[in-house]
Amino acid sequence: GLPGKASVSPIDLSVLSSTPGAAAVDDAGKTLLVASSTNGSMTVERLNSGGQPQMVLSTAAVSSLTFLRKSQTALVADSNLGQLVLVRSAGFGTPAAEVVARTSDGIVDAAGISVSSDNRYAVVANAANRSVIIVELATQSAKQIDCACDINGISSLDDGSVFQLTERIDHPITVLQLSGDKTRLSFIPSISPR
């Protein structure tokens, strides 16, 4: 989500050569990362107020992307390659990409990505196999948590320690809680129709 004091900067999307897909805005509201399809592959470009698009990353298929908190570093999930890519200087400067998790770590379709409050962990929601992958970014170690729920994305409910995985109110809402190295899945009962 946006910080408490959101700022607004106009960004012209008409400068893009193709229809935008997944997108992310930095906490300052000054840089937009946009994934778009070009010649059978996906590119992630950055747009700043009044500027031309600049390529940040080229990959097979971008399913989700996000900035780290109060940072110009971004995470990009490639669902075709089953990779989570950390891109330093995604918002400005010369981008440097590094794969931090792979299919062997549990990355499948990456329906959504979020980040812990301290930027220590990336939380990747896989809808296809109904699991969550928690990646410690510094060590690139990953652990998979099966949630037995119909994941349709991920959103931080607070400052980055509680994440909502499901949205339907006619089914229990599933949340993931991170506390240090500990994780816990909780279920909020559904609202019964009257």
C-alpha atoms as a PDB file:
ATOM      1  CA  GLY A   1       0.000   0.000   0.000  1.00  0.00           C
ATOM      2  CA  LEU A   2       0.884   3.645  -0.084  1.00  0.00           C
ATOM      3  CA  PRO A   3       2.498   5.377   2.886  1.00  0.00           C
ATOM      4  CA  GLY A   4       0.455   7.536   5.260  1.00  0.00           C
ATOM      5  CA  LYS A   5       1.287  10.734   3.360  1.00  0.00           C
ATOM      6  CA  ALA A   6       0.881   9.762  -0.272  1.00  0.00           C
ATOM      7  CA  SER A   7       2.171  12.104  -2.949  1.00  0.00           C
ATOM      8  CA  VAL A   8       0.999  12.338  -6.523  1.00  0.00           C
ATOM      9  CA  SER A   9       3.173  12.710  -9.616  1.00  0.00           C
ATOM     10  CA  PRO A  10       1.724  12.654 -13.140  1.00  0.00           C
ATOM     11  CA  ILE A  11       3.111   9.835 -15.294  1.00  0.00           C
ATOM     12  CA  ASP A  12       2.193   9.546 -18.970  1.00  0.00           C
ATOM     13  CA  LEU A  13       1.467   5.916 -19.929  1.00  0.00           C
ATOM     14  CA  SER A  14       0.978   6.793 -23.602  1.00  0.00           C
ATOM     15  CA  VAL A  15       4.781   6.666 -24.037  1.00  0.00           C
ATOM     16  CA  LEU A  16       4.678   2.868 -23.614  1.00  0.00           C
ATOM     17  CA  SER A  17       4.940   0.837 -26.812  1.00  0.00           C
ATOM     18  CA  SER A  18       2.434  -1.812 -25.652  1.00  0.00           C
ATOM     19  CA  THR A  19      -0.403  -2.323 -23.175  1.00  0.00           C
ATOM     20  CA  PRO A  20       0.828  -2.281 -19.565  1.00  0.00           C
ATOM     21  CA  GLY A  21       0.367  -5.310 -17.301  1.00  0.00           C
ATOM     22  CA  ALA A  22       1.625  -5.662 -13.728  1.00  0.00           C
ATOM     23  CA  ALA A  23       2.777  -2.407 -12.154  1.00  0.00           C
ATOM     24  CA  ALA A  24       4.297  -1.058  -8.932  1.00  0.00           C
ATOM     25  CA  VAL A  25       4.794   2.430  -7.501  1.00  0.00           C
ATOM     26  CA  ASP A  26       7.606   3.342  -5.109  1.00  0.00           C
ATOM     27  CA  ASP A  27       6.727   4.704  -1.651  1.00  0.00           C
ATOM     28  CA  ALA A  28       7.573   8.266  -2.710  1.00  0.00           C
ATOM     29  CA  GLY A  29       5.071   8.035  -5.577  1.00  0.00           C
ATOM     30  CA  LYS A  30       7.671   9.217  -8.084  1.00  0.00           C
ATOM     31  CA  THR A  31       8.566   6.030  -9.961  1.00  0.00           C
ATOM     32  CA  LEU A  32       6.272   3.549 -11.677  1.00  0.00           C
ATOM     33  CA  LEU A  33       7.485   0.146 -12.826  1.00  0.00           C
ATOM     34  CA  VAL A  34       5.364  -1.346 -15.595  1.00  0.00           C
ATOM     35  CA  ALA A  35       5.551  -4.767 -17.225  1.00  0.00           C
ATOM     36  CA  SER A  36       4.507  -5.027 -20.853  1.00  0.00           C
ATOM     37  CA  SER A  37       4.756  -7.590 -23.617  1.00  0.00           C
ATOM     38  CA  THR A  38       7.223  -6.940 -26.426  1.00  0.00           C
ATOM     39  CA  ASN A  39       8.035  -9.440 -29.197  1.00  0.00           C
ATOM     40  CA  GLY A  40       7.022 -12.524 -27.203  1.00  0.00           C
ATOM     41  CA  SER A  41       8.850 -11.555 -24.011  1.00  0.00           C
ATOM     42  CA  MET A  42       8.108  -9.192 -21.161  1.00  0.00           C
ATOM     43  CA  THR A  43       9.957  -6.041 -20.268  1.00  0.00           C
ATOM     44  CA  VAL A  44       9.799  -4.066 -17.070  1.00  0.00           C
ATOM     45  CA  GLU A  45      10.222  -0.366 -17.672  1.00  0.00           C
ATOM     46  CA  ARG A  46      10.405   2.529 -15.257  1.00  0.00           C
ATOM     47  CA  LEU A  47       8.543   5.747 -15.771  1.00  0.00           C
ATOM     48  CA  ASN A  48       9.205   8.937 -13.880  1.00  0.00           C
ATOM     49  CA  SER A  49       7.355  12.201 -14.075  1.00  0.00           C
ATOM     50  CA  GLY A  50       7.991  13.761 -17.465  1.00  0.00           C
ATOM     51  CA  GLY A  51      10.514  11.150 -18.572  1.00  0.00           C
ATOM     52  CA  GLN A  52      10.719   8.507 -21.250  1.00  0.00           C
ATOM     53  CA  PRO A  53      10.453   4.811 -20.314  1.00  0.00           C
ATOM     54  CA  GLN A  54      13.725   3.153 -19.369  1.00  0.00           C
ATOM     55  CA  MET A  55      14.153  -0.624 -19.509  1.00  0.00           C
ATOM     56  CA  VAL A  56      14.836  -2.220 -16.147  1.00  0.00           C
ATOM     57  CA  LEU A  57      14.552  -5.944 -16.953  1.00  0.00           C
ATOM     58  CA  SER A  58      13.660  -8.300 -19.789  1.00  0.00           C
ATOM     59  CA  THR A  59      12.211 -11.689 -18.861  1.00  0.00           C
ATOM     60  CA  ALA A  60       9.742 -14.341 -20.019  1.00  0.00           C
ATOM     61  CA  ALA A  61       6.497 -13.454 -18.180  1.00  0.00           C
ATOM     62  CA  VAL A  62       5.959 -10.987 -15.325  1.00  0.00           C
ATOM     63  CA  SER A  63       3.165 -12.130 -13.036  1.00  0.00           C
ATOM     64  CA  SER A  64       3.787  -9.690 -10.199  1.00  0.00           C
ATOM     65  CA  LEU A  65       6.169  -6.961  -9.084  1.00  0.00           C
ATOM     66  CA  THR A  66       6.677  -4.673  -6.109  1.00  0.00           C
ATOM     67  CA  PHE A  67       9.146  -2.223  -4.637  1.00  0.00           C
ATOM     68  CA  LEU A  68      10.774  -2.968  -1.311  1.00  0.00           C
ATOM     69  CA  ARG A  69       9.607  -0.579   1.400  1.00  0.00           C
ATOM     70  CA  LYS A  70      11.179   2.901   1.265  1.00  0.00           C
ATOM     71  CA  SER A  71      13.567   1.637  -1.389  1.00  0.00           C
ATOM     72  CA  GLN A  72      14.323   1.805  -5.090  1.00  0.00           C
ATOM     73  CA  THR A  73      14.967  -1.950  -5.131  1.00  0.00           C
ATOM     74  CA  ALA A  74      12.186  -4.069  -6.639  1.00  0.00           C
ATOM     75  CA  LEU A  75      11.103  -7.695  -6.813  1.00  0.00           C
ATOM     76  CA  VAL A  76       9.837  -9.167 -10.073  1.00  0.00           C
ATOM     77  CA  ALA A  77       8.191 -12.590 -10.353  1.00  0.00           C
ATOM     78  CA  ASP A  78       8.492 -14.490 -13.617  1.00  0.00           C
ATOM     79  CA  SER A  79       5.783 -17.151 -13.759  1.00  0.00           C
ATOM     80  CA  ASN A  80       7.133 -18.850 -16.919  1.00  0.00           C
ATOM     81  CA  LEU A  81      10.654 -19.275 -15.579  1.00  0.00           C
ATOM     82  CA  GLY A  82       9.521 -19.798 -11.961  1.00  0.00           C
ATOM     83  CA  GLN A  83      11.860 -17.110 -10.651  1.00  0.00           C
ATOM     84  CA  LEU A  84      11.837 -14.275  -8.175  1.00  0.00           C
ATOM     85  CA  VAL A  85      14.266 -11.566  -9.300  1.00  0.00           C
ATOM     86  CA  LEU A  86      15.651  -8.818  -7.053  1.00  0.00           C
ATOM     87  CA  VAL A  87      16.413  -5.672  -9.074  1.00  0.00           C
ATOM     88  CA  ARG A  88      18.621  -3.116  -7.344  1.00  0.00           C
ATOM     89  CA  SER A  89      18.355   0.478  -8.615  1.00  0.00           C
ATOM     90  CA  ALA A  90      15.035  -0.316 -10.313  1.00  0.00           C
ATOM     91  CA  GLY A  91      13.785   3.217  -9.611  1.00  0.00           C
ATOM     92  CA  PHE A  92      16.880   5.141 -10.711  1.00  0.00           C
ATOM     93  CA  GLY A  93      20.434   4.498 -11.830  1.00  0.00           C
ATOM     94  CA  THR A  94      21.656   1.350 -13.554  1.00  0.00           C
ATOM     95  CA  PRO A  95      19.474  -1.644 -12.672  1.00  0.00           C
ATOM     96  CA  ALA A  96      21.210  -4.841 -11.478  1.00  0.00           C
ATOM     97  CA  ALA A  97      19.135  -8.050 -11.439  1.00  0.00           C
ATOM     98  CA  GLU A  98      19.756 -11.152  -9.339  1.00  0.00           C
ATOM     99  CA  VAL A  99      17.600 -14.299  -9.103  1.00  0.00           C
ATOM    100  CA  VAL A 100      16.842 -14.869  -5.394  1.00  0.00           C
ATOM    101  CA  ALA A 101      14.407 -17.820  -5.672  1.00  0.00           C
ATOM    102  CA  ARG A 102      13.542 -20.434  -8.279  1.00  0.00           C
ATOM    103  CA  THR A 103      11.100 -23.223  -9.022  1.00  0.00           C
ATOM    104  CA  SER A 104      13.216 -25.507  -6.811  1.00  0.00           C
ATOM    105  CA  ASP A 105      12.475 -23.087  -3.929  1.00  0.00           C
ATOM    106  CA  GLY A 106       8.732 -23.310  -4.618  1.00  0.00           C
ATOM    107  CA  ILE A 107       8.125 -20.393  -6.993  1.00  0.00           C
ATOM    108  CA  VAL A 108       5.285 -21.503  -9.293  1.00  0.00           C
ATOM    109  CA  ASP A 109       2.910 -18.870 -10.687  1.00  0.00           C
ATOM    110  CA  ALA A 110       3.577 -16.062  -8.188  1.00  0.00           C
ATOM    111  CA  ALA A 111       0.103 -14.567  -8.116  1.00  0.00           C
ATOM    112  CA  GLY A 112       1.418 -11.833  -5.842  1.00  0.00           C
ATOM    113  CA  ILE A 113       4.470 -10.568  -3.965  1.00  0.00           C
ATOM    114  CA  SER A 114       4.741  -8.559  -0.787  1.00  0.00           C
ATOM    115  CA  VAL A 115       7.602  -7.589   1.499  1.00  0.00           C
ATOM    116  CA  SER A 116       8.072  -7.665   5.266  1.00  0.00           C
ATOM    117  CA  SER A 117       8.290  -4.365   7.138  1.00  0.00           C
ATOM    118  CA  ASP A 118      12.089  -4.638   7.469  1.00  0.00           C
ATOM    119  CA  ASN A 119      12.613  -5.745   3.817  1.00  0.00           C
ATOM    120  CA  ARG A 120      14.163  -8.950   5.157  1.00  0.00           C
ATOM    121  CA  TYR A 121      11.580 -11.271   3.618  1.00  0.00           C
ATOM    122  CA  ALA A 122       9.758 -11.503   0.323  1.00  0.00           C
ATOM    123  CA  VAL A 123       6.403 -13.266   0.588  1.00  0.00           C
ATOM    124  CA  VAL A 124       5.307 -14.908  -2.653  1.00  0.00           C
ATOM    125  CA  ALA A 125       1.754 -16.226  -3.054  1.00  0.00           C
ATOM    126  CA  ASN A 126       1.324 -19.145  -5.481  1.00  0.00           C
ATOM    127  CA  ALA A 127      -2.287 -19.661  -6.571  1.00  0.00           C
ATOM    128  CA  ALA A 128      -1.646 -22.802  -8.660  1.00  0.00           C
ATOM    129  CA  ASN A 129      -0.400 -24.984  -5.799  1.00  0.00           C
ATOM    130  CA  ARG A 130      -2.035 -23.000  -2.985  1.00  0.00           C
ATOM    131  CA  SER A 131       1.192 -22.177  -1.177  1.00  0.00           C
ATOM    132  CA  VAL A 132       3.194 -19.259   0.124  1.00  0.00           C
ATOM    133  CA  ILE A 133       6.962 -19.019  -0.244  1.00  0.00           C
ATOM    134  CA  ILE A 134       8.880 -16.921   2.258  1.00  0.00           C
ATOM    135  CA  VAL A 135      12.283 -15.910   0.901  1.00  0.00           C
ATOM    136  CA  GLU A 136      14.932 -14.401   3.152  1.00  0.00           C
ATOM    137  CA  LEU A 137      16.463 -11.960   0.701  1.00  0.00           C
ATOM    138  CA  ALA A 138      19.955 -11.729   2.248  1.00  0.00           C
ATOM    139  CA  THR A 139      20.560 -15.500   2.334  1.00  0.00           C
ATOM    140  CA  GLN A 140      18.202 -16.463  -0.514  1.00  0.00           C
ATOM    141  CA  SER A 141      16.833 -19.249   1.681  1.00  0.00           C
ATOM    142  CA  ALA A 142      13.189 -20.118   1.133  1.00  0.00           C
ATOM    143  CA  LYS A 143      10.497 -22.038   2.936  1.00  0.00           C
ATOM    144  CA  GLN A 144       7.158 -23.129   1.575  1.00  0.00           C
ATOM    145  CA  ILE A 145       3.913 -23.055   3.526  1.00  0.00           C
ATOM    146  CA  ASP A 146       0.889 -24.907   2.180  1.00  0.00           C
ATOM    147  CA  CYS A 147      -2.256 -22.964   2.949  1.00  0.00           C
ATOM    148  CA  ALA A 148      -5.046 -25.166   1.545  1.00  0.00           C
ATOM    149  CA  CYS A 149      -6.862 -22.021   0.465  1.00  0.00           C
ATOM    150  CA  ASP A 150      -7.736 -20.447  -2.873  1.00  0.00           C
ATOM    151  CA  ILE A 151      -5.043 -17.755  -3.051  1.00  0.00           C
ATOM    152  CA  ASN A 152      -5.901 -14.837  -5.300  1.00  0.00           C
ATOM    153  CA  GLY A 153      -3.037 -12.499  -4.442  1.00  0.00           C
ATOM    154  CA  ILE A 154      -1.361 -11.036  -1.402  1.00  0.00           C
ATOM    155  CA  SER A 155      -1.744  -7.724   0.385  1.00  0.00           C
ATOM    156  CA  SER A 156      -0.162  -6.359   3.513  1.00  0.00           C
ATOM    157  CA  LEU A 157      -2.757  -5.602   6.185  1.00  0.00           C
ATOM    158  CA  ASP A 158      -0.471  -3.597   8.430  1.00  0.00           C
ATOM    159  CA  ASP A 159       3.157  -2.567   8.387  1.00  0.00           C
ATOM    160  CA  GLY A 160       4.350  -5.764   6.711  1.00  0.00           C
ATOM    161  CA  SER A 161       3.868  -8.511   9.263  1.00  0.00           C
ATOM    162  CA  VAL A 162       0.319  -9.638   8.396  1.00  0.00           C
ATOM    163  CA  PHE A 163      -0.656 -10.562   4.825  1.00  0.00           C
ATOM    164  CA  GLN A 164      -4.088 -11.372   3.399  1.00  0.00           C
ATOM    165  CA  LEU A 165      -4.068 -14.256   0.892  1.00  0.00           C
ATOM    166  CA  THR A 166      -7.760 -14.611   0.037  1.00  0.00           C
ATOM    167  CA  GLU A 167     -10.488 -12.045  -0.602  1.00  0.00           C
ATOM    168  CA  ARG A 168     -13.843 -13.804  -0.830  1.00  0.00           C
ATOM    169  CA  ILE A 169     -16.059 -12.953   2.126  1.00  0.00           C
ATOM    170  CA  ASP A 170     -18.275 -16.031   1.613  1.00  0.00           C
ATOM    171  CA  HIS A 171     -15.249 -18.239   2.484  1.00  0.00           C
ATOM    172  CA  PRO A 172     -12.839 -17.943   5.410  1.00  0.00           C
ATOM    173  CA  ILE A 173     -10.233 -15.241   4.784  1.00  0.00           C
ATOM    174  CA  THR A 174      -6.699 -16.583   5.112  1.00  0.00           C
ATOM    175  CA  VAL A 175      -3.965 -14.413   6.603  1.00  0.00           C
ATOM    176  CA  LEU A 176      -0.274 -15.107   7.088  1.00  0.00           C
ATOM    177  CA  GLN A 177       1.519 -13.602  10.071  1.00  0.00           C
ATOM    178  CA  LEU A 178       5.292 -13.129  10.140  1.00  0.00           C
ATOM    179  CA  SER A 179       6.993 -12.611  13.473  1.00  0.00           C
ATOM    180  CA  GLY A 180      10.756 -12.851  13.235  1.00  0.00           C
ATOM    181  CA  ASP A 181      11.509 -16.313  11.904  1.00  0.00           C
ATOM    182  CA  LYS A 182       8.073 -17.637  12.865  1.00  0.00           C
ATOM    183  CA  THR A 183       5.059 -17.823  10.564  1.00  0.00           C
ATOM    184  CA  ARG A 184       1.435 -18.586  11.278  1.00  0.00           C
ATOM    185  CA  LEU A 185      -1.603 -19.048   9.083  1.00  0.00           C
ATOM    186  CA  SER A 186      -4.916 -17.870  10.516  1.00  0.00           C
ATOM    187  CA  PHE A 187      -8.441 -18.031   9.185  1.00  0.00           C
ATOM    188  CA  ILE A 188     -11.059 -15.340   9.669  1.00  0.00           C
ATOM    189  CA  PRO A 189     -14.565 -16.838   9.536  1.00  0.00           C
ATOM    190  CA  SER A 190     -16.716 -16.053   6.540  1.00  0.00           C
ATOM    191  CA  ILE A 191     -19.683 -13.749   6.661  1.00  0.00           C
ATOM    192  CA  SER A 192     -22.858 -15.776   6.486  1.00  0.00           C
ATOM    193  CA  PRO A 193     -25.581 -14.472   4.162  1.00  0.00           C
ATOM    194  CA  ARG A 194     -28.693 -13.150   5.859  1.00  0.00           C
END
